[in-house]
Amino acid sequence: MMSPAGGQSRCGRRRAARLAAVQALYAIDVSGSSIERVLADVMDRHWSSGGKAGGKAGEGDADAALLRTLVEGVAADREMVDAAIGEALAEEWSLARLEILLQAILRAGTYELYAIPDIPARVVINEYLEIAHAFFAGREPALVNAVLDRIAARFRSGEPARGPADCDGT
């Protein structure tokens, strides 16, 4: 959805930030690079053309504050995030058994459910489910949905996890 000014809507910028955060978390785990180096690289790719990826107006705009919050937050609270995911996984699974990209999706989603309560849980779950669908064609999206739903029940117990999942939660 485009905003009247020609840029992406707040929803689109948040969606781009979530995807960029997952990519950054993956890169950190795979390369062993520092958070700052990976964030600088990701931000350069997403904002190198005046805020537009690929230089096209309205494409690739991301919420830089959300991106930084997610990546730095996962790093700072990784032990808690990983423990929450471990508790939400089926008994025969462990976080270490999951693909690194799937770990990154679950970590970003878990941290957002934990630390950013102004975004409805159903929106958060739907957004990371969409990211999972973009990368996986098998059962992984269902795993993301189930794990994040359990985590939402833990961190957002008074909030319904089901219902409309548009950007504003309405």
C-alpha atoms as a PDB file:
ATOM      1  CA  MET A   1       0.000   0.000   0.000  1.00  0.00           C
ATOM      2  CA  MET A   2       1.481   3.318  -1.030  1.00  0.00           C
ATOM      3  CA  SER A   3       1.117   6.459   1.003  1.00  0.00           C
ATOM      4  CA  PRO A   4      -0.115   9.632  -0.673  1.00  0.00           C
ATOM      5  CA  ALA A   5       3.416  11.058  -0.641  1.00  0.00           C
ATOM      6  CA  GLY A   6       4.601   8.230  -2.902  1.00  0.00           C
ATOM      7  CA  GLY A   7       6.531   6.306  -0.255  1.00  0.00           C
ATOM      8  CA  GLN A   8       5.481   3.108   1.398  1.00  0.00           C
ATOM      9  CA  SER A   9       2.908   3.143   4.132  1.00  0.00           C
ATOM     10  CA  ARG A  10       3.909   2.570   7.728  1.00  0.00           C
ATOM     11  CA  CYS A  11       2.871  -1.061   7.243  1.00  0.00           C
ATOM     12  CA  GLY A  12       5.143  -1.464   4.245  1.00  0.00           C
ATOM     13  CA  ARG A  13       8.072   0.148   6.042  1.00  0.00           C
ATOM     14  CA  ARG A  14       7.591  -2.153   9.029  1.00  0.00           C
ATOM     15  CA  ARG A  15       7.321  -5.184   6.751  1.00  0.00           C
ATOM     16  CA  ALA A  16      10.572  -4.192   5.018  1.00  0.00           C
ATOM     17  CA  ALA A  17      12.257  -3.681   8.407  1.00  0.00           C
ATOM     18  CA  ARG A  18      11.197  -7.135   9.604  1.00  0.00           C
ATOM     19  CA  LEU A  19      12.563  -8.769   6.480  1.00  0.00           C
ATOM     20  CA  ALA A  20      15.796  -6.779   6.763  1.00  0.00           C
ATOM     21  CA  ALA A  21      16.078  -7.766  10.443  1.00  0.00           C
ATOM     22  CA  VAL A  22      15.718 -11.453   9.579  1.00  0.00           C
ATOM     23  CA  GLN A  23      18.365 -11.042   6.875  1.00  0.00           C
ATOM     24  CA  ALA A  24      20.679  -9.243   9.323  1.00  0.00           C
ATOM     25  CA  LEU A  25      20.236 -11.869  12.046  1.00  0.00           C
ATOM     26  CA  TYR A  26      20.960 -14.590   9.487  1.00  0.00           C
ATOM     27  CA  ALA A  27      24.072 -12.761   8.281  1.00  0.00           C
ATOM     28  CA  ILE A  28      25.338 -12.288  11.829  1.00  0.00           C
ATOM     29  CA  ASP A  29      24.976 -16.002  12.563  1.00  0.00           C
ATOM     30  CA  VAL A  30      26.492 -17.151   9.275  1.00  0.00           C
ATOM     31  CA  SER A  31      29.368 -14.679   9.002  1.00  0.00           C
ATOM     32  CA  GLY A  32      30.143 -14.014  12.628  1.00  0.00           C
ATOM     33  CA  SER A  33      30.320 -10.308  11.773  1.00  0.00           C
ATOM     34  CA  SER A  34      29.482  -7.675  14.338  1.00  0.00           C
ATOM     35  CA  ILE A  35      25.971  -6.321  14.693  1.00  0.00           C
ATOM     36  CA  GLU A  36      27.128  -2.855  13.676  1.00  0.00           C
ATOM     37  CA  ARG A  37      28.877  -4.101  10.534  1.00  0.00           C
ATOM     38  CA  VAL A  38      25.876  -6.158   9.429  1.00  0.00           C
ATOM     39  CA  LEU A  39      23.404  -3.371  10.254  1.00  0.00           C
ATOM     40  CA  ALA A  40      25.520  -0.891   8.291  1.00  0.00           C
ATOM     41  CA  ASP A  41      25.550  -3.251   5.310  1.00  0.00           C
ATOM     42  CA  VAL A  42      21.813  -3.933   5.480  1.00  0.00           C
ATOM     43  CA  MET A  43      20.999  -0.244   5.900  1.00  0.00           C
ATOM     44  CA  ASP A  44      23.296   0.657   3.020  1.00  0.00           C
ATOM     45  CA  ARG A  45      21.473  -1.823   0.772  1.00  0.00           C
ATOM     46  CA  HIS A  46      18.038  -0.602   1.878  1.00  0.00           C
ATOM     47  CA  TRP A  47      18.771   3.110   1.962  1.00  0.00           C
ATOM     48  CA  SER A  48      21.676   3.620  -0.461  1.00  0.00           C
ATOM     49  CA  SER A  49      19.542   5.465  -3.022  1.00  0.00           C
ATOM     50  CA  GLY A  50      17.977   8.147  -0.887  1.00  0.00           C
ATOM     51  CA  GLY A  51      15.979   5.632   1.107  1.00  0.00           C
ATOM     52  CA  LYS A  52      14.842   3.525  -1.784  1.00  0.00           C
ATOM     53  CA  ALA A  53      16.251   0.077  -2.493  1.00  0.00           C
ATOM     54  CA  GLY A  54      17.236  -0.130  -6.114  1.00  0.00           C
ATOM     55  CA  GLY A  55      16.642   3.592  -6.456  1.00  0.00           C
ATOM     56  CA  LYS A  56      12.926   3.238  -7.199  1.00  0.00           C
ATOM     57  CA  ALA A  57      10.683   5.546  -5.226  1.00  0.00           C
ATOM     58  CA  GLY A  58       8.503   3.732  -2.747  1.00  0.00           C
ATOM     59  CA  GLU A  59      10.287   0.385  -3.065  1.00  0.00           C
ATOM     60  CA  GLY A  60      12.334  -0.958  -0.212  1.00  0.00           C
ATOM     61  CA  ASP A  61      11.667   1.805   2.295  1.00  0.00           C
ATOM     62  CA  ALA A  62      12.106   0.335   5.746  1.00  0.00           C
ATOM     63  CA  ASP A  63      11.558   1.500   9.275  1.00  0.00           C
ATOM     64  CA  ALA A  64      15.188   1.935  10.373  1.00  0.00           C
ATOM     65  CA  ALA A  65      14.271   2.269  14.037  1.00  0.00           C
ATOM     66  CA  LEU A  66      12.333  -1.018  14.012  1.00  0.00           C
ATOM     67  CA  LEU A  67      15.161  -2.756  12.151  1.00  0.00           C
ATOM     68  CA  ARG A  68      17.733  -1.602  14.705  1.00  0.00           C
ATOM     69  CA  THR A  69      15.425  -2.399  17.643  1.00  0.00           C
ATOM     70  CA  LEU A  70      14.853  -5.953  16.430  1.00  0.00           C
ATOM     71  CA  VAL A  71      18.478  -6.789  15.632  1.00  0.00           C
ATOM     72  CA  GLU A  72      19.985  -5.159  18.709  1.00  0.00           C
ATOM     73  CA  GLY A  73      17.198  -6.485  20.920  1.00  0.00           C
ATOM     74  CA  VAL A  74      17.629 -10.075  19.778  1.00  0.00           C
ATOM     75  CA  ALA A  75      21.375  -9.767  20.396  1.00  0.00           C
ATOM     76  CA  ALA A  76      20.940  -8.237  23.849  1.00  0.00           C
ATOM     77  CA  ASP A  77      18.219 -10.669  24.985  1.00  0.00           C
ATOM     78  CA  ARG A  78      19.277 -13.716  22.972  1.00  0.00           C
ATOM     79  CA  GLU A  79      19.378 -16.070  25.942  1.00  0.00           C
ATOM     80  CA  MET A  80      15.792 -15.194  26.908  1.00  0.00           C
ATOM     81  CA  VAL A  81      14.624 -15.243  23.272  1.00  0.00           C
ATOM     82  CA  ASP A  82      16.193 -18.652  22.630  1.00  0.00           C
ATOM     83  CA  ALA A  83      14.762 -20.032  25.878  1.00  0.00           C
ATOM     84  CA  ALA A  84      11.265 -18.834  24.930  1.00  0.00           C
ATOM     85  CA  ILE A  85      11.567 -20.458  21.511  1.00  0.00           C
ATOM     86  CA  GLY A  86      12.914 -23.662  23.052  1.00  0.00           C
ATOM     87  CA  GLU A  87       9.935 -23.840  25.417  1.00  0.00           C
ATOM     88  CA  ALA A  88       7.500 -23.248  22.538  1.00  0.00           C
ATOM     89  CA  LEU A  89       8.982 -25.931  20.285  1.00  0.00           C
ATOM     90  CA  ALA A  90       7.644 -29.468  20.359  1.00  0.00           C
ATOM     91  CA  GLU A  91       9.492 -31.677  22.837  1.00  0.00           C
ATOM     92  CA  GLU A  92      11.471 -33.552  20.175  1.00  0.00           C
ATOM     93  CA  TRP A  93      12.783 -30.311  18.630  1.00  0.00           C
ATOM     94  CA  SER A  94      15.447 -27.872  19.709  1.00  0.00           C
ATOM     95  CA  LEU A  95      16.370 -24.477  18.310  1.00  0.00           C
ATOM     96  CA  ALA A  96      19.768 -25.836  17.258  1.00  0.00           C
ATOM     97  CA  ARG A  97      18.058 -28.400  14.982  1.00  0.00           C
ATOM     98  CA  LEU A  98      16.365 -25.672  12.944  1.00  0.00           C
ATOM     99  CA  GLU A  99      17.866 -24.043   9.864  1.00  0.00           C
ATOM    100  CA  ILE A 100      19.665 -20.781  10.592  1.00  0.00           C
ATOM    101  CA  LEU A 101      17.141 -18.776   8.553  1.00  0.00           C
ATOM    102  CA  LEU A 102      14.261 -20.321  10.471  1.00  0.00           C
ATOM    103  CA  GLN A 103      16.043 -19.488  13.731  1.00  0.00           C
ATOM    104  CA  ALA A 104      16.384 -15.860  12.579  1.00  0.00           C
ATOM    105  CA  ILE A 105      12.666 -15.623  11.748  1.00  0.00           C
ATOM    106  CA  LEU A 106      11.665 -17.064  15.119  1.00  0.00           C
ATOM    107  CA  ARG A 107      14.118 -14.879  17.034  1.00  0.00           C
ATOM    108  CA  ALA A 108      12.915 -11.664  15.396  1.00  0.00           C
ATOM    109  CA  GLY A 109       9.255 -12.608  15.881  1.00  0.00           C
ATOM    110  CA  THR A 110       9.795 -13.657  19.482  1.00  0.00           C
ATOM    111  CA  TYR A 111      11.627 -10.471  20.352  1.00  0.00           C
ATOM    112  CA  GLU A 112       8.938  -8.333  18.712  1.00  0.00           C
ATOM    113  CA  LEU A 113       6.206 -10.127  20.662  1.00  0.00           C
ATOM    114  CA  TYR A 114       8.195  -9.649  23.865  1.00  0.00           C
ATOM    115  CA  ALA A 115       9.424  -6.079  23.492  1.00  0.00           C
ATOM    116  CA  ILE A 116       7.012  -4.184  21.231  1.00  0.00           C
ATOM    117  CA  PRO A 117       3.541  -4.495  22.747  1.00  0.00           C
ATOM    118  CA  ASP A 118       1.979  -1.686  20.703  1.00  0.00           C
ATOM    119  CA  ILE A 119       1.925  -3.913  17.611  1.00  0.00           C
ATOM    120  CA  PRO A 120      -0.834  -6.519  18.004  1.00  0.00           C
ATOM    121  CA  ALA A 121       0.352 -10.120  18.366  1.00  0.00           C
ATOM    122  CA  ARG A 122      -1.772 -11.281  15.445  1.00  0.00           C
ATOM    123  CA  VAL A 123      -0.050  -8.727  13.214  1.00  0.00           C
ATOM    124  CA  VAL A 124       3.410  -9.807  14.361  1.00  0.00           C
ATOM    125  CA  ILE A 125       2.610 -13.485  13.828  1.00  0.00           C
ATOM    126  CA  ASN A 126       1.145 -12.836  10.387  1.00  0.00           C
ATOM    127  CA  GLU A 127       4.144 -10.767   9.295  1.00  0.00           C
ATOM    128  CA  TYR A 128       6.689 -13.444  10.236  1.00  0.00           C
ATOM    129  CA  LEU A 129       4.458 -16.131   8.753  1.00  0.00           C
ATOM    130  CA  GLU A 130       4.589 -14.208   5.457  1.00  0.00           C
ATOM    131  CA  ILE A 131       8.386 -14.016   5.695  1.00  0.00           C
ATOM    132  CA  ALA A 132       8.514 -17.768   6.306  1.00  0.00           C
ATOM    133  CA  HIS A 133       6.308 -18.363   3.240  1.00  0.00           C
ATOM    134  CA  ALA A 134       8.688 -16.227   1.164  1.00  0.00           C
ATOM    135  CA  PHE A 135      11.608 -18.529   1.991  1.00  0.00           C
ATOM    136  CA  PHE A 136      10.060 -21.943   2.632  1.00  0.00           C
ATOM    137  CA  ALA A 137       7.566 -24.086   0.733  1.00  0.00           C
ATOM    138  CA  GLY A 138       7.373 -26.953   3.233  1.00  0.00           C
ATOM    139  CA  ARG A 139       6.158 -27.191   6.806  1.00  0.00           C
ATOM    140  CA  GLU A 140       8.353 -24.395   8.128  1.00  0.00           C
ATOM    141  CA  PRO A 141       5.663 -21.670   7.899  1.00  0.00           C
ATOM    142  CA  ALA A 142       3.344 -23.839  10.005  1.00  0.00           C
ATOM    143  CA  LEU A 143       6.129 -24.229  12.561  1.00  0.00           C
ATOM    144  CA  VAL A 144       6.640 -20.441  12.654  1.00  0.00           C
ATOM    145  CA  ASN A 145       2.901 -19.946  13.143  1.00  0.00           C
ATOM    146  CA  ALA A 146       2.655 -22.512  15.949  1.00  0.00           C
ATOM    147  CA  VAL A 147       5.763 -21.352  17.817  1.00  0.00           C
ATOM    148  CA  LEU A 148       4.932 -17.653  17.619  1.00  0.00           C
ATOM    149  CA  ASP A 149       1.338 -18.364  18.633  1.00  0.00           C
ATOM    150  CA  ARG A 150       2.599 -20.132  21.790  1.00  0.00           C
ATOM    151  CA  ILE A 151       5.038 -17.313  22.495  1.00  0.00           C
ATOM    152  CA  ALA A 152       2.284 -14.730  22.037  1.00  0.00           C
ATOM    153  CA  ALA A 153       0.187 -16.617  24.576  1.00  0.00           C
ATOM    154  CA  ARG A 154       3.088 -16.331  27.026  1.00  0.00           C
ATOM    155  CA  PHE A 155       4.048 -12.683  26.462  1.00  0.00           C
ATOM    156  CA  ARG A 156       0.656 -11.297  25.450  1.00  0.00           C
ATOM    157  CA  SER A 157      -1.713 -13.393  27.540  1.00  0.00           C
ATOM    158  CA  GLY A 158      -4.429 -10.734  27.671  1.00  0.00           C
ATOM    159  CA  GLU A 159      -4.395 -10.109  23.932  1.00  0.00           C
ATOM    160  CA  PRO A 160      -6.218 -12.231  21.354  1.00  0.00           C
ATOM    161  CA  ALA A 161      -3.815 -13.955  18.958  1.00  0.00           C
ATOM    162  CA  ARG A 162      -6.556 -14.497  16.394  1.00  0.00           C
ATOM    163  CA  GLY A 163      -8.500 -11.967  14.410  1.00  0.00           C
ATOM    164  CA  PRO A 164      -7.762  -9.492  11.652  1.00  0.00           C
ATOM    165  CA  ALA A 165      -4.054  -9.302  10.905  1.00  0.00           C
ATOM    166  CA  ASP A 166      -3.753  -6.159   8.862  1.00  0.00           C
ATOM    167  CA  CYS A 167      -1.061  -3.669   9.741  1.00  0.00           C
ATOM    168  CA  ASP A 168      -3.049  -1.795  12.355  1.00  0.00           C
ATOM    169  CA  GLY A 169      -4.717  -4.862  13.823  1.00  0.00           C
ATOM    170  CA  THR A 170      -8.198  -3.717  12.906  1.00  0.00           C
END
